[in-house]
Amino acid sequence: MTDNSPDKKPEILDAEIVEDTPTPPVEVPEPDYSESGVPSFDHVRDRIEQRYTTSIGSTELAGLGGKEDVASLDKKIADRDKAAKDKLAEIRRAMREQ
């Protein structure tokens, strides 16, 4: 007989149910802090560097970094607004002519 034969009876296992008792959470201090809650020098330095790089990235995304300044950006916005108004006026003239 093979293991899959219908004549073989399955082995019965006897087991008991054990209730799971929750263990209380253990408070582990954060790795960058001492037991009294004081941050380490490395942690403080990392946070400062992170904030600095975030501010540099935000400045670059806003287009304020490098050669461009606020005045040149304001001029670009004004030029774009003027071009939009001119295009709108052109469309309105074309609509009246029809």
N, C-alpha and C. Protein backbone atom coordinates (compact mmCIF):
# COMPACT_ATOMS: atom_id res chain seq x y z
N MET A 1 0.83 -1.19 0.00
CA MET A 1 0.00 0.00 0.00
C MET A 1 0.87 1.26 0.00
N THR A 2 0.36 2.26 -0.66
CA THR A 2 1.06 3.54 -0.67
C THR A 2 0.42 4.45 0.36
N ASP A 3 1.06 5.57 0.60
CA ASP A 3 0.55 6.52 1.59
C ASP A 3 -0.80 7.10 1.18
N ASN A 4 -1.07 7.17 -0.10
CA ASN A 4 -2.31 7.76 -0.60
C ASN A 4 -3.42 6.73 -0.77
N SER A 5 -3.22 5.51 -0.37
CA SER A 5 -4.23 4.47 -0.61
C SER A 5 -5.44 4.70 0.30
N PRO A 6 -6.64 4.36 -0.17
CA PRO A 6 -7.85 4.59 0.61
C PRO A 6 -7.96 3.65 1.81
N ASP A 7 -7.21 2.55 1.83
CA ASP A 7 -7.31 1.61 2.95
C ASP A 7 -6.54 2.07 4.18
N LYS A 8 -5.63 2.99 4.02
CA LYS A 8 -4.82 3.43 5.15
C LYS A 8 -5.60 4.50 5.93
N LYS A 9 -5.68 4.34 7.25
CA LYS A 9 -6.38 5.29 8.09
C LYS A 9 -5.43 6.45 8.45
N PRO A 10 -5.96 7.68 8.45
CA PRO A 10 -5.09 8.81 8.80
C PRO A 10 -4.70 8.75 10.27
N GLU A 11 -3.53 9.22 10.55
CA GLU A 11 -3.04 9.23 11.93
C GLU A 11 -3.74 10.35 12.69
N ILE A 12 -4.25 10.05 13.86
CA ILE A 12 -4.98 11.04 14.65
C ILE A 12 -4.00 11.65 15.64
N LEU A 13 -4.00 12.97 15.67
CA LEU A 13 -3.12 13.69 16.59
C LEU A 13 -3.95 14.25 17.73
N ASP A 14 -3.45 14.12 18.93
CA ASP A 14 -4.13 14.65 20.09
C ASP A 14 -3.42 15.94 20.48
N ALA A 15 -4.18 17.03 20.63
CA ALA A 15 -3.58 18.32 20.98
C ALA A 15 -4.50 19.05 21.92
N GLU A 16 -3.95 20.00 22.63
CA GLU A 16 -4.77 20.83 23.50
C GLU A 16 -4.61 22.28 23.10
N ILE A 17 -5.63 23.08 23.38
CA ILE A 17 -5.60 24.49 23.03
C ILE A 17 -4.95 25.25 24.18
N VAL A 18 -3.95 26.03 23.83
CA VAL A 18 -3.25 26.85 24.82
C VAL A 18 -3.59 28.30 24.53
N GLU A 19 -4.08 28.99 25.55
CA GLU A 19 -4.44 30.39 25.36
C GLU A 19 -3.18 31.25 25.28
N ASP A 20 -3.24 32.19 24.36
CA ASP A 20 -2.11 33.09 24.16
C ASP A 20 -2.23 34.24 25.16
N THR A 21 -1.27 34.39 26.03
CA THR A 21 -1.30 35.49 26.99
C THR A 21 -0.42 36.60 26.43
N PRO A 22 -1.01 37.78 26.29
CA PRO A 22 -0.22 38.88 25.74
C PRO A 22 0.86 39.33 26.71
N THR A 23 2.00 39.62 26.18
CA THR A 23 3.10 40.10 27.01
C THR A 23 3.04 41.62 27.02
N PRO A 24 3.32 42.22 28.14
CA PRO A 24 3.26 43.69 28.20
C PRO A 24 4.37 44.29 27.32
N PRO A 25 4.08 45.41 26.68
CA PRO A 25 5.10 46.01 25.83
C PRO A 25 6.28 46.50 26.66
N VAL A 26 7.45 46.30 26.15
CA VAL A 26 8.66 46.74 26.82
C VAL A 26 9.07 48.07 26.21
N GLU A 27 9.27 49.06 27.05
CA GLU A 27 9.67 50.37 26.55
C GLU A 27 11.16 50.38 26.30
N VAL A 28 11.49 50.51 25.04
CA VAL A 28 12.89 50.58 24.65
C VAL A 28 13.19 52.02 24.26
N PRO A 29 14.20 52.62 24.83
CA PRO A 29 14.49 54.00 24.45
C PRO A 29 14.91 54.06 22.99
N GLU A 30 14.58 55.18 22.35
CA GLU A 30 14.97 55.35 20.96
C GLU A 30 16.49 55.27 20.87
N PRO A 31 17.01 54.73 19.76
CA PRO A 31 18.44 54.51 19.68
C PRO A 31 19.27 55.79 19.71
N ASP A 32 18.67 56.91 19.34
CA ASP A 32 19.43 58.15 19.31
C ASP A 32 19.27 58.98 20.58
N TYR A 33 18.65 58.39 21.58
CA TYR A 33 18.43 59.10 22.83
C TYR A 33 19.02 58.30 23.99
N SER A 34 19.41 59.01 25.03
CA SER A 34 19.91 58.32 26.22
C SER A 34 18.71 57.85 27.04
N GLU A 35 18.97 57.14 28.10
CA GLU A 35 17.89 56.63 28.96
C GLU A 35 17.07 57.77 29.56
N SER A 36 17.72 58.93 29.78
CA SER A 36 17.00 60.07 30.36
C SER A 36 16.31 60.93 29.31
N GLY A 37 16.43 60.56 28.02
CA GLY A 37 15.72 61.26 26.96
C GLY A 37 16.51 62.35 26.28
N VAL A 38 17.82 62.39 26.50
CA VAL A 38 18.66 63.41 25.88
C VAL A 38 19.14 62.89 24.52
N PRO A 39 18.97 63.67 23.44
CA PRO A 39 19.42 63.20 22.13
C PRO A 39 20.94 63.18 22.04
N SER A 40 21.45 62.27 21.24
CA SER A 40 22.89 62.18 21.05
C SER A 40 23.34 63.28 20.09
N PHE A 41 24.64 63.57 20.11
CA PHE A 41 25.19 64.58 19.22
C PHE A 41 24.98 64.20 17.76
N ASP A 42 25.18 62.93 17.43
CA ASP A 42 24.99 62.46 16.06
C ASP A 42 23.54 62.66 15.60
N HIS A 43 22.60 62.41 16.49
CA HIS A 43 21.19 62.57 16.15
C HIS A 43 20.88 64.04 15.86
N VAL A 44 21.38 64.93 16.69
CA VAL A 44 21.13 66.36 16.50
C VAL A 44 21.77 66.82 15.19
N ARG A 45 23.01 66.39 14.93
CA ARG A 45 23.68 66.77 13.69
C ARG A 45 22.92 66.26 12.48
N ASP A 46 22.44 65.00 12.53
CA ASP A 46 21.68 64.44 11.42
C ASP A 46 20.39 65.22 11.17
N ARG A 47 19.71 65.62 12.23
CA ARG A 47 18.47 66.39 12.08
C ARG A 47 18.74 67.76 11.44
N ILE A 48 19.83 68.41 11.86
CA ILE A 48 20.18 69.71 11.28
C ILE A 48 20.52 69.55 9.81
N GLU A 49 21.31 68.54 9.48
CA GLU A 49 21.67 68.30 8.08
C GLU A 49 20.43 67.98 7.24
N GLN A 50 19.51 67.21 7.81
CA GLN A 50 18.29 66.86 7.09
C GLN A 50 17.45 68.11 6.81
N ARG A 51 17.32 68.98 7.78
CA ARG A 51 16.55 70.21 7.58
C ARG A 51 17.23 71.12 6.56
N TYR A 52 18.55 71.17 6.62
CA TYR A 52 19.29 72.00 5.67
C TYR A 52 19.10 71.49 4.24
N THR A 53 19.25 70.19 4.04
CA THR A 53 19.09 69.64 2.69
C THR A 53 17.65 69.77 2.20
N THR A 54 16.68 69.67 3.11
CA THR A 54 15.29 69.87 2.73
C THR A 54 15.06 71.31 2.27
N SER A 55 15.64 72.26 2.98
CA SER A 55 15.47 73.66 2.58
C SER A 55 16.15 73.94 1.25
N ILE A 56 17.31 73.36 1.02
CA ILE A 56 18.00 73.53 -0.27
C ILE A 56 17.14 72.94 -1.39
N GLY A 57 16.61 71.75 -1.17
CA GLY A 57 15.76 71.11 -2.18
C GLY A 57 14.50 71.90 -2.46
N SER A 58 13.88 72.44 -1.41
CA SER A 58 12.68 73.25 -1.59
C SER A 58 12.97 74.50 -2.39
N THR A 59 14.11 75.11 -2.11
CA THR A 59 14.51 76.31 -2.84
C THR A 59 14.71 75.99 -4.32
N GLU A 60 15.37 74.88 -4.60
CA GLU A 60 15.61 74.50 -5.98
C GLU A 60 14.30 74.17 -6.70
N LEU A 61 13.39 73.48 -6.01
CA LEU A 61 12.11 73.17 -6.63
C LEU A 61 11.28 74.41 -6.89
N ALA A 62 11.41 75.40 -6.03
CA ALA A 62 10.67 76.64 -6.22
C ALA A 62 11.29 77.50 -7.31
N GLY A 63 12.49 77.14 -7.75
CA GLY A 63 13.14 77.90 -8.80
C GLY A 63 13.89 79.11 -8.29
N LEU A 64 14.12 79.17 -7.00
CA LEU A 64 14.80 80.32 -6.42
C LEU A 64 16.30 80.09 -6.27
N GLY A 65 16.75 78.90 -6.55
CA GLY A 65 18.17 78.61 -6.38
C GLY A 65 18.96 78.98 -7.61
N GLY A 66 20.21 79.13 -7.43
CA GLY A 66 21.08 79.39 -8.56
C GLY A 66 21.02 80.82 -9.02
N LYS A 67 20.96 81.03 -10.34
CA LYS A 67 21.08 82.36 -10.93
C LYS A 67 19.79 83.16 -10.84
N GLU A 68 18.66 82.50 -10.73
CA GLU A 68 17.38 83.21 -10.72
C GLU A 68 17.05 83.71 -9.32
N ASP A 69 16.44 84.87 -9.27
CA ASP A 69 15.98 85.39 -8.00
C ASP A 69 14.49 85.73 -8.09
N VAL A 70 13.96 86.27 -7.04
CA VAL A 70 12.52 86.53 -6.98
C VAL A 70 12.09 87.54 -8.04
N ALA A 71 12.90 88.55 -8.28
CA ALA A 71 12.53 89.58 -9.26
C ALA A 71 12.40 88.99 -10.66
N SER A 72 13.33 88.10 -11.03
CA SER A 72 13.25 87.51 -12.37
C SER A 72 12.05 86.57 -12.48
N LEU A 73 11.73 85.90 -11.39
CA LEU A 73 10.54 85.04 -11.41
C LEU A 73 9.26 85.87 -11.52
N ASP A 74 9.22 87.01 -10.82
CA ASP A 74 8.05 87.90 -10.92
C ASP A 74 7.91 88.41 -12.35
N LYS A 75 9.02 88.73 -13.02
CA LYS A 75 8.98 89.20 -14.40
C LYS A 75 8.46 88.10 -15.32
N LYS A 76 8.90 86.87 -15.11
CA LYS A 76 8.41 85.75 -15.93
C LYS A 76 6.91 85.56 -15.76
N ILE A 77 6.42 85.68 -14.53
CA ILE A 77 4.99 85.53 -14.28
C ILE A 77 4.21 86.65 -14.96
N ALA A 78 4.72 87.88 -14.85
CA ALA A 78 4.05 89.02 -15.49
C ALA A 78 4.02 88.84 -17.01
N ASP A 79 5.13 88.38 -17.60
CA ASP A 79 5.19 88.15 -19.05
C ASP A 79 4.18 87.07 -19.46
N ARG A 80 4.09 86.02 -18.68
CA ARG A 80 3.15 84.94 -18.99
C ARG A 80 1.71 85.44 -18.90
N ASP A 81 1.41 86.24 -17.87
CA ASP A 81 0.06 86.78 -17.72
C ASP A 81 -0.29 87.71 -18.89
N LYS A 82 0.67 88.54 -19.34
CA LYS A 82 0.43 89.44 -20.46
C LYS A 82 0.18 88.63 -21.74
N ALA A 83 0.97 87.58 -21.95
CA ALA A 83 0.79 86.73 -23.13
C ALA A 83 -0.59 86.06 -23.10
N ALA A 84 -1.02 85.64 -21.92
CA ALA A 84 -2.34 85.01 -21.79
C ALA A 84 -3.45 86.01 -22.11
N LYS A 85 -3.32 87.24 -21.62
CA LYS A 85 -4.34 88.26 -21.90
C LYS A 85 -4.38 88.61 -23.38
N ASP A 86 -3.19 88.70 -23.99
CA ASP A 86 -3.15 88.99 -25.43
C ASP A 86 -3.81 87.87 -26.23
N LYS A 87 -3.56 86.64 -25.88
CA LYS A 87 -4.15 85.50 -26.59
C LYS A 87 -5.67 85.49 -26.41
N LEU A 88 -6.13 85.79 -25.20
CA LEU A 88 -7.57 85.85 -24.94
C LEU A 88 -8.22 86.96 -25.76
N ALA A 89 -7.56 88.11 -25.86
CA ALA A 89 -8.10 89.21 -26.67
C ALA A 89 -8.15 88.81 -28.14
N GLU A 90 -7.14 88.12 -28.61
CA GLU A 90 -7.12 87.65 -30.01
C GLU A 90 -8.27 86.67 -30.28
N ILE A 91 -8.52 85.77 -29.35
CA ILE A 91 -9.62 84.80 -29.50
C ILE A 91 -10.96 85.53 -29.53
N ARG A 92 -11.12 86.52 -28.66
CA ARG A 92 -12.38 87.27 -28.61
C ARG A 92 -12.62 88.04 -29.91
N ARG A 93 -11.55 88.66 -30.46
CA ARG A 93 -11.69 89.36 -31.76
C ARG A 93 -12.10 88.40 -32.85
N ALA A 94 -11.50 87.19 -32.84
CA ALA A 94 -11.83 86.20 -33.87
C ALA A 94 -13.28 85.74 -33.72
N MET A 95 -13.78 85.64 -32.50
CA MET A 95 -15.15 85.22 -32.28
C MET A 95 -16.14 86.29 -32.75
N ARG A 96 -15.80 87.57 -32.59
CA ARG A 96 -16.70 88.67 -33.01
C ARG A 96 -16.80 88.73 -34.52
N GLU A 97 -15.72 88.42 -35.21
CA GLU A 97 -15.69 88.52 -36.67
C GLU A 97 -16.55 87.44 -37.33
N GLN A 98 -16.83 86.40 -36.68
CA GLN A 98 -17.60 85.31 -37.29
C GLN A 98 -19.05 85.56 -37.23
